């Protein structure tokens, strides 16, 4: 089975397409929107059910801060 994934300028998977991603792009967007509304890291962590340090790192651009340079088709194993 083939899947289209986002990659950075070096051709490495990014965002929810990265093999070690724990959170979807939607969850990351929610964190950023809640922060824009003025919520604290602790409040966001409780609402999003993720560690406060992860929320902080997302908001400060230490995690999930890359934009897709292009899209790449990869083969993935079918789950049974």
C-alpha atoms as a PDB file:
ATOM      1  CA  UNK A   1       0.000   0.000   0.000  1.00  0.00           C
ATOM      2  CA  UNK A   2       1.248   3.514  -0.755  1.00  0.00           C
ATOM      3  CA  UNK A   3       0.800   6.689   1.261  1.00  0.00           C
ATOM      4  CA  UNK A   4       1.661  10.331   0.571  1.00  0.00           C
ATOM      5  CA  UNK A   5       3.629  11.963   3.400  1.00  0.00           C
ATOM      6  CA  UNK A   6       5.004  15.425   4.123  1.00  0.00           C
ATOM      7  CA  UNK A   7       8.799  15.793   4.063  1.00  0.00           C
ATOM      8  CA  UNK A   8      11.197  18.643   4.820  1.00  0.00           C
ATOM      9  CA  UNK A   9      13.865  20.014   2.487  1.00  0.00           C
ATOM     10  CA  UNK A  10      16.180  17.092   3.356  1.00  0.00           C
ATOM     11  CA  UNK A  11      13.511  14.546   2.428  1.00  0.00           C
ATOM     12  CA  UNK A  12      12.768  13.466   6.015  1.00  0.00           C
ATOM     13  CA  UNK A  13       9.199  12.858   7.194  1.00  0.00           C
ATOM     14  CA  UNK A  14       7.695  15.590   9.355  1.00  0.00           C
ATOM     15  CA  UNK A  15       4.548  16.228  11.386  1.00  0.00           C
ATOM     16  CA  UNK A  16       2.068  13.426  11.936  1.00  0.00           C
ATOM     17  CA  UNK A  17       3.680  11.518   9.050  1.00  0.00           C
ATOM     18  CA  UNK A  18       6.921  11.093  11.034  1.00  0.00           C
ATOM     19  CA  UNK A  19       7.263   7.523  12.248  1.00  0.00           C
ATOM     20  CA  UNK A  20       7.683   8.617  15.904  1.00  0.00           C
ATOM     21  CA  UNK A  21       4.872  11.208  15.970  1.00  0.00           C
ATOM     22  CA  UNK A  22       2.620  10.938  19.018  1.00  0.00           C
ATOM     23  CA  UNK A  23       0.170  13.717  18.154  1.00  0.00           C
ATOM     24  CA  UNK A  24      -1.753  14.562  15.010  1.00  0.00           C
ATOM     25  CA  UNK A  25      -1.352  17.850  13.176  1.00  0.00           C
ATOM     26  CA  UNK A  26      -4.867  18.707  14.362  1.00  0.00           C
ATOM     27  CA  UNK A  27      -3.873  18.305  18.019  1.00  0.00           C
ATOM     28  CA  UNK A  28      -0.836  20.534  17.487  1.00  0.00           C
ATOM     29  CA  UNK A  29      -3.028  23.166  15.812  1.00  0.00           C
ATOM     30  CA  UNK A  30      -5.440  23.003  18.756  1.00  0.00           C
ATOM     31  CA  UNK A  31      -2.567  23.625  21.196  1.00  0.00           C
ATOM     32  CA  UNK A  32      -1.470  26.692  19.242  1.00  0.00           C
ATOM     33  CA  UNK A  33      -5.036  28.034  19.002  1.00  0.00           C
ATOM     34  CA  UNK A  34      -5.607  27.615  22.734  1.00  0.00           C
ATOM     35  CA  UNK A  35      -2.355  29.435  23.458  1.00  0.00           C
ATOM     36  CA  UNK A  36      -3.426  32.282  21.160  1.00  0.00           C
ATOM     37  CA  UNK A  37      -6.622  32.516  23.231  1.00  0.00           C
ATOM     38  CA  UNK A  38      -4.465  33.176  26.302  1.00  0.00           C
ATOM     39  CA  UNK A  39      -4.657  29.805  28.023  1.00  0.00           C
ATOM     40  CA  UNK A  40      -1.715  28.702  30.184  1.00  0.00           C
ATOM     41  CA  UNK A  41       0.495  25.709  29.392  1.00  0.00           C
ATOM     42  CA  UNK A  42      -1.095  23.808  32.288  1.00  0.00           C
ATOM     43  CA  UNK A  43      -4.651  24.464  31.095  1.00  0.00           C
ATOM     44  CA  UNK A  44      -3.755  23.404  27.558  1.00  0.00           C
ATOM     45  CA  UNK A  45      -1.992  20.278  28.820  1.00  0.00           C
ATOM     46  CA  UNK A  46      -5.120  19.210  30.711  1.00  0.00           C
ATOM     47  CA  UNK A  47      -7.420  19.921  27.763  1.00  0.00           C
ATOM     48  CA  UNK A  48      -5.170  18.246  25.170  1.00  0.00           C
ATOM     49  CA  UNK A  49      -4.137  15.384  27.481  1.00  0.00           C
ATOM     50  CA  UNK A  50      -0.416  15.829  26.875  1.00  0.00           C
ATOM     51  CA  UNK A  51       2.528  16.752  29.098  1.00  0.00           C
ATOM     52  CA  UNK A  52       2.959  20.420  29.978  1.00  0.00           C
ATOM     53  CA  UNK A  53       6.534  20.305  28.640  1.00  0.00           C
ATOM     54  CA  UNK A  54       5.252  19.108  25.256  1.00  0.00           C
ATOM     55  CA  UNK A  55       2.742  21.962  25.132  1.00  0.00           C
ATOM     56  CA  UNK A  56       5.522  24.427  25.981  1.00  0.00           C
ATOM     57  CA  UNK A  57       7.827  23.017  23.303  1.00  0.00           C
ATOM     58  CA  UNK A  58       5.101  23.162  20.646  1.00  0.00           C
ATOM     59  CA  UNK A  59       4.247  26.770  21.547  1.00  0.00           C
ATOM     60  CA  UNK A  60       7.893  27.851  21.553  1.00  0.00           C
ATOM     61  CA  UNK A  61       8.607  26.157  18.212  1.00  0.00           C
ATOM     62  CA  UNK A  62      10.926  23.491  19.587  1.00  0.00           C
ATOM     63  CA  UNK A  63       8.667  20.701  18.307  1.00  0.00           C
ATOM     64  CA  UNK A  64       6.608  20.344  15.163  1.00  0.00           C
ATOM     65  CA  UNK A  65       7.882  23.631  13.767  1.00  0.00           C
ATOM     66  CA  UNK A  66       8.721  22.541  10.214  1.00  0.00           C
ATOM     67  CA  UNK A  67       6.638  23.157   7.130  1.00  0.00           C
ATOM     68  CA  UNK A  68       6.364  20.635   4.341  1.00  0.00           C
ATOM     69  CA  UNK A  69       8.840  21.337   1.553  1.00  0.00           C
ATOM     70  CA  UNK A  70       7.222  18.717  -0.652  1.00  0.00           C
ATOM     71  CA  UNK A  71       5.212  15.504  -0.586  1.00  0.00           C
ATOM     72  CA  UNK A  72       6.575  12.041  -1.136  1.00  0.00           C
ATOM     73  CA  UNK A  73       4.880   8.701  -1.822  1.00  0.00           C
ATOM     74  CA  UNK A  74       6.104   5.851   0.370  1.00  0.00           C
ATOM     75  CA  UNK A  75       5.196   2.195   0.703  1.00  0.00           C
ATOM     76  CA  UNK A  76       3.674   1.191   4.033  1.00  0.00           C
ATOM     77  CA  UNK A  77       2.829  -2.233   5.358  1.00  0.00           C
ATOM     78  CA  UNK A  78      -0.873  -2.983   5.608  1.00  0.00           C
ATOM     79  CA  UNK A  79      -2.027  -3.473   9.190  1.00  0.00           C
ATOM     80  CA  UNK A  80      -4.017  -6.611   9.852  1.00  0.00           C
END
